[in-house]
Amino acid sequence: MKKMTKLFKTITASIATYALVFSANVTLAAEKISGWGTKESPSFVPTDIRGAIMNLTNWILGFISIIATLVIIYGGVLYLTAAGNDDNVATAKKTISYGIIGVVIAGLAYAMVIVVSTVILSS
């Protein structure tokens, strides 16, 4: 079990490092697709408060989504290593369901930010 914990920590650290290194590219791509930050300078630094709020929101929600995805992966590892033990299977299912709830909440929060930014702040 200690080998599995060490392996899981190594995998988690690798995923977190990958996410931190490439999250800026993902955030910039999301901004280009969604149309946010249309008043940005060439260095992608927002010139107004709306752009700054959108950048901050993208970073926070991206981080929450990464964490929720890691929780789902962790629940899957727990489920695979449960070896038929009912208590461990129940714990794994709870972990997976909490991860799914986290992804749903992050998605709803992102939708709410888009609605607020387009409807309320654009007027």
Protein backbone atom coordinates (compact mmCIF):
# COMPACT_ATOMS: atom_id res chain seq x y z
CA MET A 1 0.00 0.00 0.00
CA LYS A 2 2.91 2.37 0.67
CA LYS A 3 4.17 1.82 -2.87
CA MET A 4 0.72 2.74 -4.19
CA THR A 5 0.62 5.90 -2.05
CA LYS A 6 4.07 6.93 -3.28
CA LEU A 7 3.04 6.23 -6.87
CA PHE A 8 -0.13 8.26 -6.44
CA LYS A 9 1.82 11.18 -4.95
CA THR A 10 4.24 11.07 -7.86
CA ILE A 11 1.43 11.03 -10.41
CA THR A 12 -0.38 13.84 -8.62
CA ALA A 13 2.76 15.96 -8.47
CA SER A 14 3.39 15.37 -12.18
CA ILE A 15 -0.14 16.37 -13.12
CA ALA A 16 0.00 19.46 -10.90
CA THR A 17 3.32 20.52 -12.43
CA TYR A 18 1.96 20.01 -15.94
CA ALA A 19 -1.16 22.00 -15.06
CA LEU A 20 0.85 24.89 -13.64
CA VAL A 21 3.21 25.03 -16.59
CA PHE A 22 0.54 24.92 -19.29
CA SER A 23 -2.37 26.66 -17.50
CA ALA A 24 -1.41 30.05 -18.91
CA ASN A 25 -1.80 28.75 -22.47
CA VAL A 26 -5.16 27.20 -21.62
CA THR A 27 -6.35 30.44 -20.01
CA LEU A 28 -5.30 32.51 -23.01
CA ALA A 29 -7.00 30.09 -25.39
CA ALA A 30 -10.20 30.22 -23.33
CA GLU A 31 -10.13 34.00 -23.45
CA LYS A 32 -9.77 33.99 -27.22
CA ILE A 33 -12.61 31.51 -27.67
CA SER A 34 -15.02 33.21 -25.28
CA GLY A 35 -14.29 36.73 -26.50
CA TRP A 36 -13.33 38.05 -23.07
CA GLY A 37 -10.73 40.73 -22.71
CA THR A 38 -11.37 42.52 -25.99
CA LYS A 39 -9.71 45.66 -24.61
CA GLU A 40 -6.41 43.99 -23.79
CA SER A 41 -2.99 45.37 -24.57
CA PRO A 42 -0.67 43.28 -26.77
CA SER A 43 0.94 41.74 -23.68
CA PHE A 44 -2.44 40.27 -22.65
CA VAL A 45 -2.63 42.47 -19.59
CA PRO A 46 -6.18 43.71 -19.13
CA THR A 47 -6.64 47.48 -19.20
CA ASP A 48 -9.97 47.54 -17.39
CA ILE A 49 -11.43 46.01 -14.23
CA ARG A 50 -13.67 43.65 -16.22
CA GLY A 51 -10.68 42.04 -17.93
CA ALA A 52 -8.85 41.69 -14.64
CA ILE A 53 -11.87 40.02 -13.03
CA MET A 54 -12.23 37.66 -15.99
CA ASN A 55 -8.55 36.67 -15.80
CA LEU A 56 -8.79 36.04 -12.08
CA THR A 57 -11.99 34.05 -12.52
CA ASN A 58 -10.44 31.93 -15.26
CA TRP A 59 -7.47 31.09 -13.05
CA ILE A 60 -9.58 30.24 -10.00
CA LEU A 61 -12.11 28.13 -11.88
CA GLY A 62 -9.36 26.39 -13.81
CA PHE A 63 -7.63 25.50 -10.56
CA ILE A 64 -10.89 24.23 -9.04
CA SER A 65 -11.54 22.11 -12.14
CA ILE A 66 -8.06 20.61 -11.97
CA ILE A 67 -8.49 19.76 -8.28
CA ALA A 68 -11.92 18.20 -8.89
CA THR A 69 -10.52 16.12 -11.74
CA LEU A 70 -7.67 14.94 -9.52
CA VAL A 71 -10.23 13.96 -6.87
CA ILE A 72 -12.08 11.86 -9.45
CA ILE A 73 -8.82 10.20 -10.48
CA TYR A 74 -7.96 9.56 -6.83
CA GLY A 75 -11.40 7.99 -6.32
CA GLY A 76 -10.78 5.76 -9.33
CA VAL A 77 -7.46 4.62 -7.88
CA LEU A 78 -9.18 3.93 -4.56
CA TYR A 79 -11.84 1.94 -6.37
CA LEU A 80 -9.28 -0.10 -8.28
CA THR A 81 -7.29 -0.87 -5.15
CA ALA A 82 -10.34 -1.67 -2.99
CA ALA A 83 -9.95 -5.41 -3.68
CA GLY A 84 -13.60 -6.10 -2.99
CA ASN A 85 -13.63 -4.50 0.47
CA ASP A 86 -17.07 -2.93 0.85
CA ASP A 87 -15.86 -0.07 3.06
CA ASN A 88 -13.12 0.88 0.62
CA VAL A 89 -15.51 0.66 -2.32
CA ALA A 90 -17.98 2.95 -0.53
CA THR A 91 -15.20 5.45 0.22
CA ALA A 92 -14.09 5.37 -3.41
CA LYS A 93 -17.63 5.95 -4.68
CA LYS A 94 -18.06 8.90 -2.31
CA THR A 95 -14.76 10.37 -3.49
CA ILE A 96 -15.75 10.04 -7.13
CA SER A 97 -19.17 11.59 -6.51
CA TYR A 98 -17.59 14.52 -4.62
CA GLY A 99 -15.25 15.08 -7.54
CA ILE A 100 -18.15 15.07 -10.00
CA ILE A 101 -20.02 17.54 -7.80
CA GLY A 102 -16.90 19.76 -7.82
CA VAL A 103 -16.71 19.71 -11.62
CA VAL A 104 -20.42 20.55 -11.89
CA ILE A 105 -20.10 23.43 -9.42
CA ALA A 106 -17.06 24.80 -11.28
CA GLY A 107 -18.99 24.61 -14.56
CA LEU A 108 -21.99 26.38 -13.08
CA ALA A 109 -19.77 29.06 -11.58
CA TYR A 110 -18.14 29.61 -14.97
CA ALA A 111 -21.58 29.93 -16.58
CA MET A 112 -22.66 32.42 -13.91
CA VAL A 113 -19.56 34.54 -14.50
CA ILE A 114 -20.23 34.62 -18.24
CA VAL A 115 -23.87 35.63 -17.67
CA VAL A 116 -22.90 38.35 -15.21
CA SER A 117 -20.14 39.68 -17.44
CA THR A 118 -22.19 39.76 -20.63
CA VAL A 119 -25.57 40.83 -19.29
CA ILE A 120 -24.85 43.05 -16.31
CA LEU A 121 -21.42 44.51 -16.99
CA SER A 122 -21.95 45.17 -20.69
CA SER A 123 -24.83 47.57 -20.10
